């Protein structure tokens, strides 16, 4: 069983692994020791943060900053930890990946704390953690799409969008 890491562009789901939260804690501690003065919060997000959810074995970490003005300094510090910047076309978000043996093991999603992108990431995670039926529905969609797009992570992600948007709408109704 793979604990962590997936080649870029591939979609392969693993059953939930309790070690993922421990691996997040280790990474959070490492990041905190190097970038604590630049950030407001570090959160475990994505499917590996939701107990019982099948996931690509990559730890997603949301990093909340007060302003994107810190990106240049933050980029240098995370590069020193082995992260590389990943080009993304989402305004207000910077993404960094760490690899081990050509496999992505971690993604850092850097965004402004408590703004829309941050709130959506945390709301989605928290909703799935609290609603077993939504979690089951998400597992089914993810498995179906992983089987359909094993070599196309972009299509896999784009096809999940309607489900994600529906969950975010439900989460906002509860706030």
C-alpha atoms as a PDB file:
ATOM      1  CA  UNK A   1       0.000   0.000   0.000  1.00  0.00           C
ATOM      2  CA  UNK A   2       1.247   3.445  -0.900  1.00  0.00           C
ATOM      3  CA  UNK A   3       1.448   5.706   2.130  1.00  0.00           C
ATOM      4  CA  UNK A   4       2.377   8.885   0.286  1.00  0.00           C
ATOM      5  CA  UNK A   5       3.181  10.004  -3.236  1.00  0.00           C
ATOM      6  CA  UNK A   6       1.705   9.961  -6.716  1.00  0.00           C
ATOM      7  CA  UNK A   7       3.199  10.773 -10.104  1.00  0.00           C
ATOM      8  CA  UNK A   8       2.154  14.127 -11.532  1.00  0.00           C
ATOM      9  CA  UNK A   9      -1.035  13.923 -13.626  1.00  0.00           C
ATOM     10  CA  UNK A  10      -2.130  10.502 -12.368  1.00  0.00           C
ATOM     11  CA  UNK A  11      -5.264   9.699 -10.396  1.00  0.00           C
ATOM     12  CA  UNK A  12      -5.036   6.733  -8.053  1.00  0.00           C
ATOM     13  CA  UNK A  13      -7.109   6.592  -4.898  1.00  0.00           C
ATOM     14  CA  UNK A  14      -6.027   4.863  -1.707  1.00  0.00           C
ATOM     15  CA  UNK A  15      -8.238   3.913   1.256  1.00  0.00           C
ATOM     16  CA  UNK A  16      -7.981   6.334   4.169  1.00  0.00           C
ATOM     17  CA  UNK A  17      -4.755   5.872   6.126  1.00  0.00           C
ATOM     18  CA  UNK A  18      -4.455   7.018   9.759  1.00  0.00           C
ATOM     19  CA  UNK A  19      -0.787   7.857   9.094  1.00  0.00           C
ATOM     20  CA  UNK A  20      -1.839  10.783   6.865  1.00  0.00           C
ATOM     21  CA  UNK A  21      -2.754  12.978   9.843  1.00  0.00           C
ATOM     22  CA  UNK A  22       0.573  12.133  11.517  1.00  0.00           C
ATOM     23  CA  UNK A  23       2.441  12.998   8.304  1.00  0.00           C
ATOM     24  CA  UNK A  24       0.552  16.300   8.186  1.00  0.00           C
ATOM     25  CA  UNK A  25       1.506  17.041  11.813  1.00  0.00           C
ATOM     26  CA  UNK A  26       5.179  16.396  11.014  1.00  0.00           C
ATOM     27  CA  UNK A  27       5.035  18.683   7.974  1.00  0.00           C
ATOM     28  CA  UNK A  28       3.164  21.396   9.887  1.00  0.00           C
ATOM     29  CA  UNK A  29       5.855  21.335  12.569  1.00  0.00           C
ATOM     30  CA  UNK A  30       8.606  21.596   9.949  1.00  0.00           C
ATOM     31  CA  UNK A  31       6.853  24.446   8.108  1.00  0.00           C
ATOM     32  CA  UNK A  32       6.025  26.267  11.336  1.00  0.00           C
ATOM     33  CA  UNK A  33       9.667  26.187  12.381  1.00  0.00           C
ATOM     34  CA  UNK A  34      10.696  27.903   9.116  1.00  0.00           C
ATOM     35  CA  UNK A  35       7.833  30.239   8.149  1.00  0.00           C
ATOM     36  CA  UNK A  36       5.925  30.989  11.351  1.00  0.00           C
ATOM     37  CA  UNK A  37       6.558  34.761  11.125  1.00  0.00           C
ATOM     38  CA  UNK A  38       5.038  34.856   7.601  1.00  0.00           C
ATOM     39  CA  UNK A  39       1.798  32.966   8.233  1.00  0.00           C
ATOM     40  CA  UNK A  40      -1.403  33.079  10.246  1.00  0.00           C
ATOM     41  CA  UNK A  41      -2.543  29.441  10.012  1.00  0.00           C
ATOM     42  CA  UNK A  42      -1.676  25.996   8.675  1.00  0.00           C
ATOM     43  CA  UNK A  43      -4.521  23.517   8.106  1.00  0.00           C
ATOM     44  CA  UNK A  44      -4.709  19.954   6.797  1.00  0.00           C
ATOM     45  CA  UNK A  45      -7.171  20.054   3.874  1.00  0.00           C
ATOM     46  CA  UNK A  46      -8.106  17.848   0.953  1.00  0.00           C
ATOM     47  CA  UNK A  47      -9.246  14.263   1.087  1.00  0.00           C
ATOM     48  CA  UNK A  48      -6.371  13.005   3.249  1.00  0.00           C
ATOM     49  CA  UNK A  49      -7.734  15.262   6.030  1.00  0.00           C
ATOM     50  CA  UNK A  50     -11.138  13.538   6.130  1.00  0.00           C
ATOM     51  CA  UNK A  51     -11.251  10.284   8.097  1.00  0.00           C
ATOM     52  CA  UNK A  52     -12.644   7.417   6.034  1.00  0.00           C
ATOM     53  CA  UNK A  53     -12.369   9.161   2.669  1.00  0.00           C
ATOM     54  CA  UNK A  54     -10.520   7.564  -0.218  1.00  0.00           C
ATOM     55  CA  UNK A  55      -7.826   9.933  -1.457  1.00  0.00           C
ATOM     56  CA  UNK A  56      -4.900  10.449  -3.745  1.00  0.00           C
ATOM     57  CA  UNK A  57      -1.987   9.836  -1.340  1.00  0.00           C
ATOM     58  CA  UNK A  58      -0.844  13.467  -1.294  1.00  0.00           C
ATOM     59  CA  UNK A  59      -1.013  15.678   1.802  1.00  0.00           C
ATOM     60  CA  UNK A  60      -2.757  18.994   1.004  1.00  0.00           C
ATOM     61  CA  UNK A  61      -1.851  21.838   3.324  1.00  0.00           C
ATOM     62  CA  UNK A  62      -3.589  25.222   3.370  1.00  0.00           C
ATOM     63  CA  UNK A  63      -1.381  28.069   4.503  1.00  0.00           C
ATOM     64  CA  UNK A  64      -3.151  31.277   5.465  1.00  0.00           C
ATOM     65  CA  UNK A  65      -1.238  34.535   5.108  1.00  0.00           C
ATOM     66  CA  UNK A  66      -2.249  38.113   5.900  1.00  0.00           C
ATOM     67  CA  UNK A  67      -1.202  39.320   2.450  1.00  0.00           C
ATOM     68  CA  UNK A  68       0.276  37.805  -0.700  1.00  0.00           C
ATOM     69  CA  UNK A  69       3.125  40.323  -0.259  1.00  0.00           C
ATOM     70  CA  UNK A  70       4.910  37.629   1.780  1.00  0.00           C
ATOM     71  CA  UNK A  71       5.019  35.212  -1.189  1.00  0.00           C
ATOM     72  CA  UNK A  72       8.546  36.074  -2.349  1.00  0.00           C
ATOM     73  CA  UNK A  73      10.026  35.436   1.095  1.00  0.00           C
ATOM     74  CA  UNK A  74       7.796  32.409   1.724  1.00  0.00           C
ATOM     75  CA  UNK A  75       8.740  30.932  -1.683  1.00  0.00           C
ATOM     76  CA  UNK A  76      12.456  31.068  -0.800  1.00  0.00           C
ATOM     77  CA  UNK A  77      11.872  29.412   2.569  1.00  0.00           C
ATOM     78  CA  UNK A  78       9.720  26.550   1.221  1.00  0.00           C
ATOM     79  CA  UNK A  79      12.154  26.031  -1.692  1.00  0.00           C
ATOM     80  CA  UNK A  80      14.822  25.402   0.936  1.00  0.00           C
ATOM     81  CA  UNK A  81      12.563  22.600   2.257  1.00  0.00           C
ATOM     82  CA  UNK A  82      12.366  21.005  -1.186  1.00  0.00           C
ATOM     83  CA  UNK A  83       9.146  22.543  -2.502  1.00  0.00           C
ATOM     84  CA  UNK A  84       8.771  23.818  -6.072  1.00  0.00           C
ATOM     85  CA  UNK A  85       6.197  26.315  -7.259  1.00  0.00           C
ATOM     86  CA  UNK A  86       3.384  24.899  -9.400  1.00  0.00           C
ATOM     87  CA  UNK A  87       1.825  27.281 -11.921  1.00  0.00           C
ATOM     88  CA  UNK A  88      -1.881  27.803 -11.151  1.00  0.00           C
ATOM     89  CA  UNK A  89      -4.447  30.026 -12.790  1.00  0.00           C
ATOM     90  CA  UNK A  90      -6.367  30.904  -9.634  1.00  0.00           C
ATOM     91  CA  UNK A  91      -6.037  34.526  -8.556  1.00  0.00           C
ATOM     92  CA  UNK A  92      -5.028  34.876  -4.934  1.00  0.00           C
ATOM     93  CA  UNK A  93      -3.517  31.393  -4.606  1.00  0.00           C
ATOM     94  CA  UNK A  94       0.020  30.068  -4.887  1.00  0.00           C
ATOM     95  CA  UNK A  95       0.718  26.335  -4.945  1.00  0.00           C
ATOM     96  CA  UNK A  96       3.938  24.506  -4.134  1.00  0.00           C
ATOM     97  CA  UNK A  97       4.644  20.776  -4.464  1.00  0.00           C
ATOM     98  CA  UNK A  98       7.197  18.536  -2.823  1.00  0.00           C
ATOM     99  CA  UNK A  99       8.382  15.399  -4.557  1.00  0.00           C
ATOM    100  CA  UNK A 100      10.004  12.173  -3.475  1.00  0.00           C
ATOM    101  CA  UNK A 101      11.319   9.876  -6.210  1.00  0.00           C
ATOM    102  CA  UNK A 102       9.326  11.701  -8.934  1.00  0.00           C
ATOM    103  CA  UNK A 103       6.105  11.424  -6.930  1.00  0.00           C
ATOM    104  CA  UNK A 104       4.261  14.373  -5.410  1.00  0.00           C
ATOM    105  CA  UNK A 105       3.920  13.875  -1.654  1.00  0.00           C
ATOM    106  CA  UNK A 106       2.722  17.304  -0.474  1.00  0.00           C
ATOM    107  CA  UNK A 107       0.945  20.354  -1.867  1.00  0.00           C
ATOM    108  CA  UNK A 108       1.014  23.739  -0.148  1.00  0.00           C
ATOM    109  CA  UNK A 109      -1.937  25.986  -1.018  1.00  0.00           C
ATOM    110  CA  UNK A 110      -0.989  29.506   0.045  1.00  0.00           C
ATOM    111  CA  UNK A 111      -3.829  32.027   0.208  1.00  0.00           C
ATOM    112  CA  UNK A 112      -5.109  34.933   2.230  1.00  0.00           C
ATOM    113  CA  UNK A 113      -6.438  33.768   5.577  1.00  0.00           C
ATOM    114  CA  UNK A 114     -10.227  34.018   6.041  1.00  0.00           C
ATOM    115  CA  UNK A 115     -10.913  35.181   2.489  1.00  0.00           C
ATOM    116  CA  UNK A 116     -13.074  33.236   0.013  1.00  0.00           C
ATOM    117  CA  UNK A 117     -10.527  30.633  -1.126  1.00  0.00           C
ATOM    118  CA  UNK A 118      -9.518  29.875   2.476  1.00  0.00           C
ATOM    119  CA  UNK A 119     -13.101  29.738   3.730  1.00  0.00           C
ATOM    120  CA  UNK A 120     -14.116  27.393   0.885  1.00  0.00           C
ATOM    121  CA  UNK A 121     -11.262  24.951   1.584  1.00  0.00           C
ATOM    122  CA  UNK A 122     -12.017  24.776   5.287  1.00  0.00           C
ATOM    123  CA  UNK A 123     -15.820  24.714   4.847  1.00  0.00           C
ATOM    124  CA  UNK A 124     -15.639  21.843   2.349  1.00  0.00           C
ATOM    125  CA  UNK A 125     -13.402  19.790   4.638  1.00  0.00           C
ATOM    126  CA  UNK A 126     -15.493  20.471   7.736  1.00  0.00           C
ATOM    127  CA  UNK A 127     -18.773  19.684   5.976  1.00  0.00           C
ATOM    128  CA  UNK A 128     -17.525  16.301   4.759  1.00  0.00           C
ATOM    129  CA  UNK A 129     -16.119  15.531   8.205  1.00  0.00           C
ATOM    130  CA  UNK A 130     -19.552  16.136   9.736  1.00  0.00           C
ATOM    131  CA  UNK A 131     -21.881  14.594   7.119  1.00  0.00           C
ATOM    132  CA  UNK A 132     -21.435  10.830   6.538  1.00  0.00           C
ATOM    133  CA  UNK A 133     -23.875  10.804   3.591  1.00  0.00           C
ATOM    134  CA  UNK A 134     -21.991  13.564   1.786  1.00  0.00           C
ATOM    135  CA  UNK A 135     -18.740  11.697   2.441  1.00  0.00           C
ATOM    136  CA  UNK A 136     -20.172   8.488   0.937  1.00  0.00           C
ATOM    137  CA  UNK A 137     -21.465  10.386  -2.101  1.00  0.00           C
ATOM    138  CA  UNK A 138     -18.049  11.992  -2.559  1.00  0.00           C
ATOM    139  CA  UNK A 139     -16.285   8.615  -2.352  1.00  0.00           C
ATOM    140  CA  UNK A 140     -18.569   7.262  -5.106  1.00  0.00           C
ATOM    141  CA  UNK A 141     -17.937  10.250  -7.378  1.00  0.00           C
ATOM    142  CA  UNK A 142     -14.191  10.114  -6.777  1.00  0.00           C
ATOM    143  CA  UNK A 143     -14.000   6.370  -7.506  1.00  0.00           C
ATOM    144  CA  UNK A 144     -16.076   6.711 -10.672  1.00  0.00           C
ATOM    145  CA  UNK A 145     -13.939   9.600 -11.944  1.00  0.00           C
ATOM    146  CA  UNK A 146     -10.645   7.936 -10.932  1.00  0.00           C
ATOM    147  CA  UNK A 147     -11.628   4.906 -13.003  1.00  0.00           C
ATOM    148  CA  UNK A 148     -12.660   7.107 -15.931  1.00  0.00           C
ATOM    149  CA  UNK A 149      -9.631   9.459 -15.830  1.00  0.00           C
ATOM    150  CA  UNK A 150      -6.678   7.524 -14.340  1.00  0.00           C
ATOM    151  CA  UNK A 151      -4.142   9.535 -16.373  1.00  0.00           C
ATOM    152  CA  UNK A 152      -5.927  12.895 -16.452  1.00  0.00           C
ATOM    153  CA  UNK A 153      -5.945  14.701 -13.102  1.00  0.00           C
ATOM    154  CA  UNK A 154      -7.301  17.892 -14.732  1.00  0.00           C
ATOM    155  CA  UNK A 155     -10.482  16.179 -15.999  1.00  0.00           C
ATOM    156  CA  UNK A 156     -10.811  14.298 -12.697  1.00  0.00           C
ATOM    157  CA  UNK A 157     -10.679  17.576 -10.772  1.00  0.00           C
ATOM    158  CA  UNK A 158     -12.933  19.503 -13.158  1.00  0.00           C
ATOM    159  CA  UNK A 159     -15.632  16.799 -13.106  1.00  0.00           C
ATOM    160  CA  UNK A 160     -15.772  16.964  -9.282  1.00  0.00           C
ATOM    161  CA  UNK A 161     -16.509  20.699  -9.407  1.00  0.00           C
ATOM    162  CA  UNK A 162     -20.326  20.450  -9.405  1.00  0.00           C
ATOM    163  CA  UNK A 163     -20.267  18.222  -6.309  1.00  0.00           C
ATOM    164  CA  UNK A 164     -17.797  20.524  -4.563  1.00  0.00           C
ATOM    165  CA  UNK A 165     -19.914  23.581  -5.412  1.00  0.00           C
ATOM    166  CA  UNK A 166     -23.045  21.845  -4.054  1.00  0.00           C
ATOM    167  CA  UNK A 167     -21.265  21.027  -0.779  1.00  0.00           C
ATOM    168  CA  UNK A 168     -19.997  24.603  -0.454  1.00  0.00           C
ATOM    169  CA  UNK A 169     -23.530  25.899  -1.010  1.00  0.00           C
ATOM    170  CA  UNK A 170     -24.840  23.577   1.733  1.00  0.00           C
ATOM    171  CA  UNK A 171     -22.008  24.575   4.073  1.00  0.00           C
ATOM    172  CA  UNK A 172     -22.783  28.279   3.576  1.00  0.00           C
ATOM    173  CA  UNK A 173     -26.454  27.673   4.359  1.00  0.00           C
ATOM    174  CA  UNK A 174     -25.392  26.314   7.763  1.00  0.00           C
ATOM    175  CA  UNK A 175     -23.287  29.361   8.641  1.00  0.00           C
END
